[in-house]
Amino acid sequence: MTKPNASAVNVKIYDREYALRTSGDTERLLVLCDYLNRTMRDVAESSGSVDTLKVAILTALSVTDELFRLREEFQNMDEVVSRRSMECVSILDRFLQ
């Protein structure tokens, strides 16, 4: 079902036209589609595959791997920030006593 404020956007991904609707930011959708298109082309070139389904699956795996790596990096940075924050609080507590 289409949302009332949805905008229609025509995009081209891997030489196929798609009519998409979004209730979000259309510019963001265009950026995402461009990224997907470039990634599919890179995967096709590096794998040597011309099978669109295979390229799509390999691209999905590549993007999923990227997502998981970024989540891990974020979690690691979050842990470092938490630890450093606690160290700062401890130093401030000692200083203020």
PDB file of N, CA and C in Angstrom:
ATOM      1  N   MET A   1       0.836  -1.179   0.000  1.00  0.00           N
ATOM      2  CA  MET A   1       0.000   0.000   0.000  1.00  0.00           C
ATOM      3  C   MET A   1       0.884   1.246   0.000  1.00  0.00           C
ATOM      4  N   THR A   2       0.580   2.209  -0.824  1.00  0.00           N
ATOM      5  CA  THR A   2       1.366   3.428  -0.963  1.00  0.00           C
ATOM      6  C   THR A   2       1.044   4.403   0.158  1.00  0.00           C
ATOM      7  N   LYS A   3       2.080   4.985   0.736  1.00  0.00           N
ATOM      8  CA  LYS A   3       1.891   5.985   1.780  1.00  0.00           C
ATOM      9  C   LYS A   3       1.426   7.282   1.137  1.00  0.00           C
ATOM     10  N   PRO A   4       0.627   8.079   1.848  1.00  0.00           N
ATOM     11  CA  PRO A   4       0.043   9.286   1.254  1.00  0.00           C
ATOM     12  C   PRO A   4       1.059  10.305   0.733  1.00  0.00           C
ATOM     13  N   ASN A   5       2.181  10.461   1.395  1.00  0.00           N
ATOM     14  CA  ASN A   5       3.172  11.461   0.995  1.00  0.00           C
ATOM     15  C   ASN A   5       4.324  10.867   0.193  1.00  0.00           C
ATOM     16  N   ALA A   6       4.119   9.717  -0.410  1.00  0.00           N
ATOM     17  CA  ALA A   6       5.188   9.048  -1.144  1.00  0.00           C
ATOM     18  C   ALA A   6       5.472   9.763  -2.459  1.00  0.00           C
ATOM     19  N   SER A   7       6.763   9.866  -2.759  1.00  0.00           N
ATOM     20  CA  SER A   7       7.206  10.470  -4.018  1.00  0.00           C
ATOM     21  C   SER A   7       7.644   9.370  -4.972  1.00  0.00           C
ATOM     22  N   ALA A   8       7.331   9.540  -6.245  1.00  0.00           N
ATOM     23  CA  ALA A   8       7.759   8.584  -7.265  1.00  0.00           C
ATOM     24  C   ALA A   8       9.150   8.969  -7.746  1.00  0.00           C
ATOM     25  N   VAL A   9      10.009   7.964  -7.863  1.00  0.00           N
ATOM     26  CA  VAL A   9      11.378   8.182  -8.314  1.00  0.00           C
ATOM     27  C   VAL A   9      11.714   7.099  -9.329  1.00  0.00           C
ATOM     28  N   ASN A  10      12.214   7.496 -10.485  1.00  0.00           N
ATOM     29  CA  ASN A  10      12.676   6.539 -11.490  1.00  0.00           C
ATOM     30  C   ASN A  10      14.186   6.418 -11.376  1.00  0.00           C
ATOM     31  N   VAL A  11      14.653   5.181 -11.260  1.00  0.00           N
ATOM     32  CA  VAL A  11      16.087   4.937 -11.130  1.00  0.00           C
ATOM     33  C   VAL A  11      16.505   3.858 -12.115  1.00  0.00           C
ATOM     34  N   LYS A  12      17.800   3.819 -12.383  1.00  0.00           N
ATOM     35  CA  LYS A  12      18.363   2.786 -13.247  1.00  0.00           C
ATOM     36  C   LYS A  12      19.466   2.092 -12.460  1.00  0.00           C
ATOM     37  N   ILE A  13      19.291   0.792 -12.265  1.00  0.00           N
ATOM     38  CA  ILE A  13      20.272  -0.006 -11.541  1.00  0.00           C
ATOM     39  C   ILE A  13      20.665  -1.178 -12.428  1.00  0.00           C
ATOM     40  N   TYR A  14      21.931  -1.244 -12.740  1.00  0.00           N
ATOM     41  CA  TYR A  14      22.479  -2.337 -13.546  1.00  0.00           C
ATOM     42  C   TYR A  14      21.685  -2.506 -14.840  1.00  0.00           C
ATOM     43  N   ASP A  15      21.489  -1.380 -15.517  1.00  0.00           N
ATOM     44  CA  ASP A  15      20.827  -1.306 -16.822  1.00  0.00           C
ATOM     45  C   ASP A  15      19.340  -1.675 -16.809  1.00  0.00           C
ATOM     46  N   ARG A  16      18.729  -1.643 -15.640  1.00  0.00           N
ATOM     47  CA  ARG A  16      17.280  -1.884 -15.559  1.00  0.00           C
ATOM     48  C   ARG A  16      16.622  -0.686 -14.904  1.00  0.00           C
ATOM     49  N   GLU A  17      15.497  -0.285 -15.467  1.00  0.00           N
ATOM     50  CA  GLU A  17      14.738   0.854 -14.940  1.00  0.00           C
ATOM     51  C   GLU A  17      13.773   0.371 -13.857  1.00  0.00           C
ATOM     52  N   TYR A  18      13.689   1.142 -12.786  1.00  0.00           N
ATOM     53  CA  TYR A  18      12.762   0.839 -11.700  1.00  0.00           C
ATOM     54  C   TYR A  18      12.008   2.105 -11.328  1.00  0.00           C
ATOM     55  N   ALA A  19      10.713   1.970 -11.135  1.00  0.00           N
ATOM     56  CA  ALA A  19       9.890   3.069 -10.631  1.00  0.00           C
ATOM     57  C   ALA A  19       9.672   2.792  -9.146  1.00  0.00           C
ATOM     58  N   LEU A  20      10.286   3.605  -8.314  1.00  0.00           N
ATOM     59  CA  LEU A  20      10.205   3.408  -6.869  1.00  0.00           C
ATOM     60  C   LEU A  20       9.383   4.521  -6.241  1.00  0.00           C
ATOM     61  N   ARG A  21       8.841   4.243  -5.078  1.00  0.00           N
ATOM     62  CA  ARG A  21       8.125   5.253  -4.314  1.00  0.00           C
ATOM     63  C   ARG A  21       8.775   5.321  -2.940  1.00  0.00           C
ATOM     64  N   THR A  22       8.916   6.529  -2.431  1.00  0.00           N
ATOM     65  CA  THR A  22       9.489   6.705  -1.108  1.00  0.00           C
ATOM     66  C   THR A  22       8.762   7.813  -0.371  1.00  0.00           C
ATOM     67  N   SER A  23       8.582   7.611   0.899  1.00  0.00           N
ATOM     68  CA  SER A  23       8.031   8.677   1.732  1.00  0.00           C
ATOM     69  C   SER A  23       9.173   9.408   2.429  1.00  0.00           C
ATOM     70  N   GLY A  24      10.391   8.959   2.155  1.00  0.00           N
ATOM     71  CA  GLY A  24      11.575   9.572   2.744  1.00  0.00           C
ATOM     72  C   GLY A  24      12.227  10.552   1.790  1.00  0.00           C
ATOM     73  N   ASP A  25      13.493  10.760   2.001  1.00  0.00           N
ATOM     74  CA  ASP A  25      14.298  11.698   1.227  1.00  0.00           C
ATOM     75  C   ASP A  25      14.623  11.098  -0.145  1.00  0.00           C
ATOM     76  N   THR A  26      14.135  11.720  -1.205  1.00  0.00           N
ATOM     77  CA  THR A  26      14.375  11.187  -2.552  1.00  0.00           C
ATOM     78  C   THR A  26      15.851  11.270  -2.934  1.00  0.00           C
ATOM     79  N   GLU A  27      16.547  12.311  -2.480  1.00  0.00           N
ATOM     80  CA  GLU A  27      17.983  12.423  -2.780  1.00  0.00           C
ATOM     81  C   GLU A  27      18.748  11.264  -2.160  1.00  0.00           C
ATOM     82  N   ARG A  28      18.381  10.893  -0.952  1.00  0.00           N
ATOM     83  CA  ARG A  28      19.040   9.766  -0.290  1.00  0.00           C
ATOM     84  C   ARG A  28      18.790   8.481  -1.077  1.00  0.00           C
ATOM     85  N   LEU A  29      17.563   8.292  -1.527  1.00  0.00           N
ATOM     86  CA  LEU A  29      17.242   7.110  -2.326  1.00  0.00           C
ATOM     87  C   LEU A  29      18.082   7.070  -3.597  1.00  0.00           C
ATOM     88  N   LEU A  30      18.248   8.211  -4.249  1.00  0.00           N
ATOM     89  CA  LEU A  30      19.063   8.269  -5.466  1.00  0.00           C
ATOM     90  C   LEU A  30      20.522   7.936  -5.167  1.00  0.00           C
ATOM     91  N   VAL A  31      21.031   8.423  -4.042  1.00  0.00           N
ATOM     92  CA  VAL A  31      22.410   8.115  -3.642  1.00  0.00           C
ATOM     93  C   VAL A  31      22.552   6.619  -3.373  1.00  0.00           C
ATOM     94  N   LEU A  32      21.582   6.034  -2.682  1.00  0.00           N
ATOM     95  CA  LEU A  32      21.619   4.595  -2.401  1.00  0.00           C
ATOM     96  C   LEU A  32      21.589   3.774  -3.687  1.00  0.00           C
ATOM     97  N   CYS A  33      20.728   4.161  -4.610  1.00  0.00           N
ATOM     98  CA  CYS A  33      20.632   3.445  -5.889  1.00  0.00           C
ATOM     99  C   CYS A  33      21.919   3.580  -6.696  1.00  0.00           C
ATOM    100  N   ASP A  34      22.520   4.757  -6.663  1.00  0.00           N
ATOM    101  CA  ASP A  34      23.790   4.960  -7.360  1.00  0.00           C
ATOM    102  C   ASP A  34      24.877   4.075  -6.752  1.00  0.00           C
ATOM    103  N   TYR A  35      24.918   4.007  -5.427  1.00  0.00           N
ATOM    104  CA  TYR A  35      25.898   3.154  -4.748  1.00  0.00           C
ATOM    105  C   TYR A  35      25.684   1.688  -5.134  1.00  0.00           C
ATOM    106  N   LEU A  36      24.427   1.255  -5.121  1.00  0.00           N
ATOM    107  CA  LEU A  36      24.116  -0.123  -5.496  1.00  0.00           C
ATOM    108  C   LEU A  36      24.524  -0.406  -6.935  1.00  0.00           C
ATOM    109  N   ASN A  37      24.232   0.510  -7.833  1.00  0.00           N
ATOM    110  CA  ASN A  37      24.597   0.350  -9.238  1.00  0.00           C
ATOM    111  C   ASN A  37      26.116   0.228  -9.398  1.00  0.00           C
ATOM    112  N   ARG A  38      26.858   1.139  -8.756  1.00  0.00           N
ATOM    113  CA  ARG A  38      28.325   1.093  -8.855  1.00  0.00           C
ATOM    114  C   ARG A  38      28.877  -0.190  -8.255  1.00  0.00           C
ATOM    115  N   THR A  39      28.317  -0.610  -7.125  1.00  0.00           N
ATOM    116  CA  THR A  39      28.790  -1.828  -6.471  1.00  0.00           C
ATOM    117  C   THR A  39      28.505  -3.051  -7.335  1.00  0.00           C
ATOM    118  N   MET A  40      27.332  -3.105  -7.944  1.00  0.00           N
ATOM    119  CA  MET A  40      27.020  -4.233  -8.832  1.00  0.00           C
ATOM    120  C   MET A  40      27.976  -4.267 -10.015  1.00  0.00           C
ATOM    121  N   ARG A  41      28.300  -3.126 -10.562  1.00  0.00           N
ATOM    122  CA  ARG A  41      29.236  -3.075 -11.693  1.00  0.00           C
ATOM    123  C   ARG A  41      30.634  -3.523 -11.260  1.00  0.00           C
ATOM    124  N   ASP A  42      31.064  -3.087 -10.080  1.00  0.00           N
ATOM    125  CA  ASP A  42      32.366  -3.508  -9.558  1.00  0.00           C
ATOM    126  C   ASP A  42      32.405  -5.019  -9.340  1.00  0.00           C
ATOM    127  N   VAL A  43      31.341  -5.557  -8.757  1.00  0.00           N
ATOM    128  CA  VAL A  43      31.266  -6.998  -8.501  1.00  0.00           C
ATOM    129  C   VAL A  43      31.267  -7.768  -9.820  1.00  0.00           C
ATOM    130  N   ALA A  44      30.501  -7.300 -10.791  1.00  0.00           N
ATOM    131  CA  ALA A  44      30.451  -7.970 -12.097  1.00  0.00           C
ATOM    132  C   ALA A  44      31.826  -7.975 -12.750  1.00  0.00           C
ATOM    133  N   GLU A  45      32.515  -6.849 -12.646  1.00  0.00           N
ATOM    134  CA  GLU A  45      33.848  -6.751 -13.252  1.00  0.00           C
ATOM    135  C   GLU A  45      34.844  -7.665 -12.543  1.00  0.00           C
ATOM    136  N   SER A  46      34.819  -7.670 -11.219  1.00  0.00           N
ATOM    137  CA  SER A  46      35.797  -8.476 -10.488  1.00  0.00           C
ATOM    138  C   SER A  46      35.485  -9.971 -10.549  1.00  0.00           C
ATOM    139  N   SER A  47      34.204 -10.328 -10.668  1.00  0.00           N
ATOM    140  CA  SER A  47      33.853 -11.751 -10.717  1.00  0.00           C
ATOM    141  C   SER A  47      33.844 -12.291 -12.141  1.00  0.00           C
ATOM    142  N   GLY A  48      33.747 -11.396 -13.107  1.00  0.00           N
ATOM    143  CA  GLY A  48      33.680 -11.827 -14.495  1.00  0.00           C
ATOM    144  C   GLY A  48      32.326 -12.413 -14.872  1.00  0.00           C
ATOM    145  N   SER A  49      31.345 -12.250 -13.997  1.00  0.00           N
ATOM    146  CA  SER A  49      30.023 -12.828 -14.248  1.00  0.00           C
ATOM    147  C   SER A  49      29.143 -11.870 -15.038  1.00  0.00           C
ATOM    148  N   VAL A  50      28.333 -12.439 -15.925  1.00  0.00           N
ATOM    149  CA  VAL A  50      27.339 -11.652 -16.657  1.00  0.00           C
ATOM    150  C   VAL A  50      25.923 -12.013 -16.198  1.00  0.00           C
ATOM    151  N   ASP A  51      25.821 -13.004 -15.324  1.00  0.00           N
ATOM    152  CA  ASP A  51      24.527 -13.434 -14.793  1.00  0.00           C
ATOM    153  C   ASP A  51      24.053 -12.413 -13.758  1.00  0.00           C
ATOM    154  N   THR A  52      22.962 -11.718 -14.067  1.00  0.00           N
ATOM    155  CA  THR A  52      22.462 -10.646 -13.210  1.00  0.00           C
ATOM    156  C   THR A  52      22.131 -11.143 -11.808  1.00  0.00           C
ATOM    157  N   LEU A  53      21.516 -12.311 -11.702  1.00  0.00           N
ATOM    158  CA  LEU A  53      21.167 -12.839 -10.385  1.00  0.00           C
ATOM    159  C   LEU A  53      22.419 -13.111  -9.560  1.00  0.00           C
ATOM    160  N   LYS A  54      23.425 -13.707 -10.181  1.00  0.00           N
ATOM    161  CA  LYS A  54      24.676 -13.987  -9.470  1.00  0.00           C
ATOM    162  C   LYS A  54      25.325 -12.686  -9.022  1.00  0.00           C
ATOM    163  N   VAL A  55      25.345 -11.691  -9.895  1.00  0.00           N
ATOM    164  CA  VAL A  55      25.923 -10.388  -9.544  1.00  0.00           C
ATOM    165  C   VAL A  55      25.144  -9.766  -8.387  1.00  0.00           C
ATOM    166  N   ALA A  56      23.819  -9.871  -8.427  1.00  0.00           N
ATOM    167  CA  ALA A  56      22.990  -9.308  -7.354  1.00  0.00           C
ATOM    168  C   ALA A  56      23.266  -9.996  -6.024  1.00  0.00           C
ATOM    169  N   ILE A  57      23.400 -11.322  -6.044  1.00  0.00           N
ATOM    170  CA  ILE A  57      23.668 -12.062  -4.810  1.00  0.00           C
ATOM    171  C   ILE A  57      25.058 -11.742  -4.280  1.00  0.00           C
ATOM    172  N   LEU A  58      26.055 -11.712  -5.158  1.00  0.00           N
ATOM    173  CA  LEU A  58      27.410 -11.359  -4.726  1.00  0.00           C
ATOM    174  C   LEU A  58      27.458  -9.933  -4.187  1.00  0.00           C
ATOM    175  N   THR A  59      26.708  -9.034  -4.800  1.00  0.00           N
ATOM    176  CA  THR A  59      26.642  -7.655  -4.324  1.00  0.00           C
ATOM    177  C   THR A  59      25.980  -7.598  -2.956  1.00  0.00           C
ATOM    178  N   ALA A  60      24.900  -8.343  -2.783  1.00  0.00           N
ATOM    179  CA  ALA A  60      24.228  -8.381  -1.480  1.00  0.00           C
ATOM    180  C   ALA A  60      25.174  -8.893  -0.400  1.00  0.00           C
ATOM    181  N   LEU A  61      25.952  -9.918  -0.717  1.00  0.00           N
ATOM    182  CA  LEU A  61      26.931 -10.436   0.244  1.00  0.00           C
ATOM    183  C   LEU A  61      28.005  -9.399   0.557  1.00  0.00           C
ATOM    184  N   SER A  62      28.462  -8.703  -0.466  1.00  0.00           N
ATOM    185  CA  SER A  62      29.480  -7.675  -0.278  1.00  0.00           C
ATOM    186  C   SER A  62      28.972  -6.536   0.604  1.00  0.00           C
ATOM    187  N   VAL A  63      27.765  -6.065   0.323  1.00  0.00           N
ATOM    188  CA  VAL A  63      27.186  -4.966   1.101  1.00  0.00           C
ATOM    189  C   VAL A  63      26.892  -5.429   2.529  1.00  0.00           C
ATOM    190  N   THR A  64      26.437  -6.667   2.697  1.00  0.00           N
ATOM    191  CA  THR A  64      26.182  -7.207   4.031  1.00  0.00           C
ATOM    192  C   THR A  64      27.476  -7.316   4.822  1.00  0.00           C
ATOM    193  N   ASP A  65      28.544  -7.758   4.168  1.00  0.00           N
ATOM    194  CA  ASP A  65      29.849  -7.826   4.825  1.00  0.00           C
ATOM    195  C   ASP A  65      30.292  -6.436   5.269  1.00  0.00           C
ATOM    196  N   GLU A  66      30.116  -5.459   4.399  1.00  0.00           N
ATOM    197  CA  GLU A  66      30.469  -4.081   4.734  1.00  0.00           C
ATOM    198  C   GLU A  66      29.660  -3.599   5.943  1.00  0.00           C
ATOM    199  N   LEU A  67      28.372  -3.882   5.956  1.00  0.00           N
ATOM    200  CA  LEU A  67      27.505  -3.501   7.071  1.00  0.00           C
ATOM    201  C   LEU A  67      27.985  -4.132   8.371  1.00  0.00           C
ATOM    202  N   PHE A  68      28.274  -5.422   8.358  1.00  0.00           N
ATOM    203  CA  PHE A  68      28.722  -6.111   9.564  1.00  0.00           C
ATOM    204  C   PHE A  68      30.063  -5.563  10.051  1.00  0.00           C
ATOM    205  N   ARG A  69      30.997  -5.300   9.127  1.00  0.00           N
ATOM    206  CA  ARG A  69      32.291  -4.739   9.528  1.00  0.00           C
ATOM    207  C   ARG A  69      32.111  -3.369  10.172  1.00  0.00           C
ATOM    208  N   LEU A  70      31.248  -2.539   9.590  1.00  0.00           N
ATOM    209  CA  LEU A  70      31.004  -1.212  10.148  1.00  0.00           C
ATOM    210  C   LEU A  70      30.324  -1.293  11.507  1.00  0.00           C
ATOM    211  N   ARG A  71      29.412  -2.234  11.682  1.00  0.00           N
ATOM    212  CA  ARG A  71      28.780  -2.432  12.991  1.00  0.00           C
ATOM    213  C   ARG A  71      29.813  -2.827  14.037  1.00  0.00           C
ATOM    214  N   GLU A  72      30.719  -3.742  13.661  1.00  0.00           N
ATOM    215  CA  GLU A  72      31.770  -4.166  14.586  1.00  0.00           C
ATOM    216  C   GLU A  72      32.676  -2.993  14.942  1.00  0.00           C
ATOM    217  N   GLU A  73      33.055  -2.199  13.948  1.00  0.00           N
ATOM    218  CA  GLU A  73      33.887  -1.021  14.207  1.00  0.00           C
ATOM    219  C   GLU A  73      33.171  -0.054  15.140  1.00  0.00           C
ATOM    220  N   PHE A  74      31.894   0.169  14.892  1.00  0.00           N
ATOM    221  CA  PHE A  74      31.115   1.070  15.736  1.00  0.00           C
ATOM    222  C   PHE A  74      31.056   0.542  17.162  1.00  0.00           C
ATOM    223  N   GLN A  75      30.801  -0.752  17.308  1.00  0.00           N
ATOM    224  CA  GLN A  75      30.734  -1.345  18.641  1.00  0.00           C
ATOM    225  C   GLN A  75      32.077  -1.208  19.351  1.00  0.00           C
ATOM    226  N   ASN A  76      33.177  -1.464  18.637  1.00  0.00           N
ATOM    227  CA  ASN A  76      34.503  -1.320  19.234  1.00  0.00           C
ATOM    228  C   ASN A  76      34.767   0.119  19.650  1.00  0.00           C
ATOM    229  N   MET A  77      34.416   1.077  18.793  1.00  0.00           N
ATOM    230  CA  MET A  77      34.610   2.487  19.137  1.00  0.00           C
ATOM    231  C   MET A  77      33.731   2.882  20.314  1.00  0.00           C
ATOM    232  N   ASP A  78      32.508   2.369  20.342  1.00  0.00           N
ATOM    233  CA  ASP A  78      31.594   2.670  21.445  1.00  0.00           C
ATOM    234  C   ASP A  78      32.168   2.158  22.761  1.00  0.00           C
ATOM    235  N   GLU A  79      32.752   0.965  22.736  1.00  0.00           N
ATOM    236  CA  GLU A  79      33.369   0.407  23.941  1.00  0.00           C
ATOM    237  C   GLU A  79      34.562   1.246  24.382  1.00  0.00           C
ATOM    238  N   VAL A  80      35.374   1.695  23.441  1.00  0.00           N
ATOM    239  CA  VAL A  80      36.525   2.540  23.768  1.00  0.00           C
ATOM    240  C   VAL A  80      36.056   3.857  24.375  1.00  0.00           C
ATOM    241  N   VAL A  81      35.054   4.471  23.770  1.00  0.00           N
ATOM    242  CA  VAL A  81      34.535   5.743  24.284  1.00  0.00           C
ATOM    243  C   VAL A  81      33.959   5.549  25.684  1.00  0.00           C
ATOM    244  N   SER A  82      33.235   4.473  25.902  1.00  0.00           N
ATOM    245  CA  SER A  82      32.672   4.200  27.230  1.00  0.00           C
ATOM    246  C   SER A  82      33.776   4.017  28.260  1.00  0.00           C
ATOM    247  N   ARG A  83      34.786   3.246  27.909  1.00  0.00           N
ATOM    248  CA  ARG A  83      35.893   3.006  28.829  1.00  0.00           C
ATOM    249  C   ARG A  83      36.636   4.305  29.133  1.00  0.00           C
ATOM    250  N   ARG A  84      36.925   5.083  28.097  1.00  0.00           N
ATOM    251  CA  ARG A  84      37.628   6.354  28.299  1.00  0.00           C
ATOM    252  C   ARG A  84      36.783   7.333  29.116  1.00  0.00           C
ATOM    253  N   SER A  85      35.486   7.328  28.881  1.00  0.00           N
ATOM    254  CA  SER A  85      34.594   8.205  29.649  1.00  0.00           C
ATOM    255  C   SER A  85      34.631   7.838  31.121  1.00  0.00           C
ATOM    256  N   MET A  86      34.605   6.542  31.407  1.00  0.00           N
ATOM    257  CA  MET A  86      34.675   6.096  32.800  1.00  0.00           C
ATOM    258  C   MET A  86      36.012   6.477  33.422  1.00  0.00           C
ATOM    259  N   GLU A  87      37.090   6.389  32.656  1.00  0.00           N
ATOM    260  CA  GLU A  87      38.399   6.805  33.155  1.00  0.00           C
ATOM    261  C   GLU A  87      38.402   8.294  33.477  1.00  0.00           C
ATOM    262  N   CYS A  88      37.804   9.094  32.609  1.00  0.00           N
ATOM    263  CA  CYS A  88      37.725  10.544  32.843  1.00  0.00           C
ATOM    264  C   CYS A  88      36.895  10.852  34.082  1.00  0.00           C
ATOM    265  N   VAL A  89      35.790  10.157  34.244  1.00  0.00           N
ATOM    266  CA  VAL A  89      34.943  10.357  35.425  1.00  0.00           C
ATOM    267  C   VAL A  89      35.718   9.996  36.680  1.00  0.00           C
ATOM    268  N   SER A  90      36.451   8.909  36.624  1.00  0.00           N
ATOM    269  CA  SER A  90      37.248   8.476  37.771  1.00  0.00           C
ATOM    270  C   SER A  90      38.305   9.520  38.125  1.00  0.00           C
ATOM    271  N   ILE A  91      38.979  10.044  37.120  1.00  0.00           N
ATOM    272  CA  ILE A  91      39.997  11.084  37.348  1.00  0.00           C
ATOM    273  C   ILE A  91      39.354  12.331  37.938  1.00  0.00           C
ATOM    274  N   LEU A  92      38.223  12.738  37.396  1.00  0.00           N
ATOM    275  CA  LEU A  92      37.520  13.915  37.916  1.00  0.00           C
ATOM    276  C   LEU A  92      37.051  13.692  39.349  1.00  0.00           C
ATOM    277  N   ASP A  93      36.550  12.501  39.636  1.00  0.00           N
ATOM    278  CA  ASP A  93      36.115  12.191  41.001  1.00  0.00           C
ATOM    279  C   ASP A  93      37.272  12.308  41.984  1.00  0.00           C
ATOM    280  N   ARG A  94      38.429  11.776  41.623  1.00  0.00           N
ATOM    281  CA  ARG A  94      39.601  11.866  42.508  1.00  0.00           C
ATOM    282  C   ARG A  94      40.043  13.307  42.680  1.00  0.00           C
ATOM    283  N   PHE A  95      39.987  14.057  41.602  1.00  0.00           N
ATOM    284  CA  PHE A  95      40.407  15.458  41.644  1.00  0.00           C
ATOM    285  C   PHE A  95      39.461  16.283  42.515  1.00  0.00           C
ATOM    286  N   LEU A  96      38.174  16.008  42.441  1.00  0.00           N
ATOM    287  CA  LEU A  96      37.176  16.793  43.165  1.00  0.00           C
ATOM    288  C   LEU A  96      37.065  16.412  44.642  1.00  0.00           C
ATOM    289  N   GLN A  97      37.632  15.291  45.027  1.00  0.00           N
ATOM    290  CA  GLN A  97      37.531  14.874  46.438  1.00  0.00           C
ATOM    291  C   GLN A  97      38.511  15.578  47.310  1.00  0.00           C
TER     292      GLN A  97
END
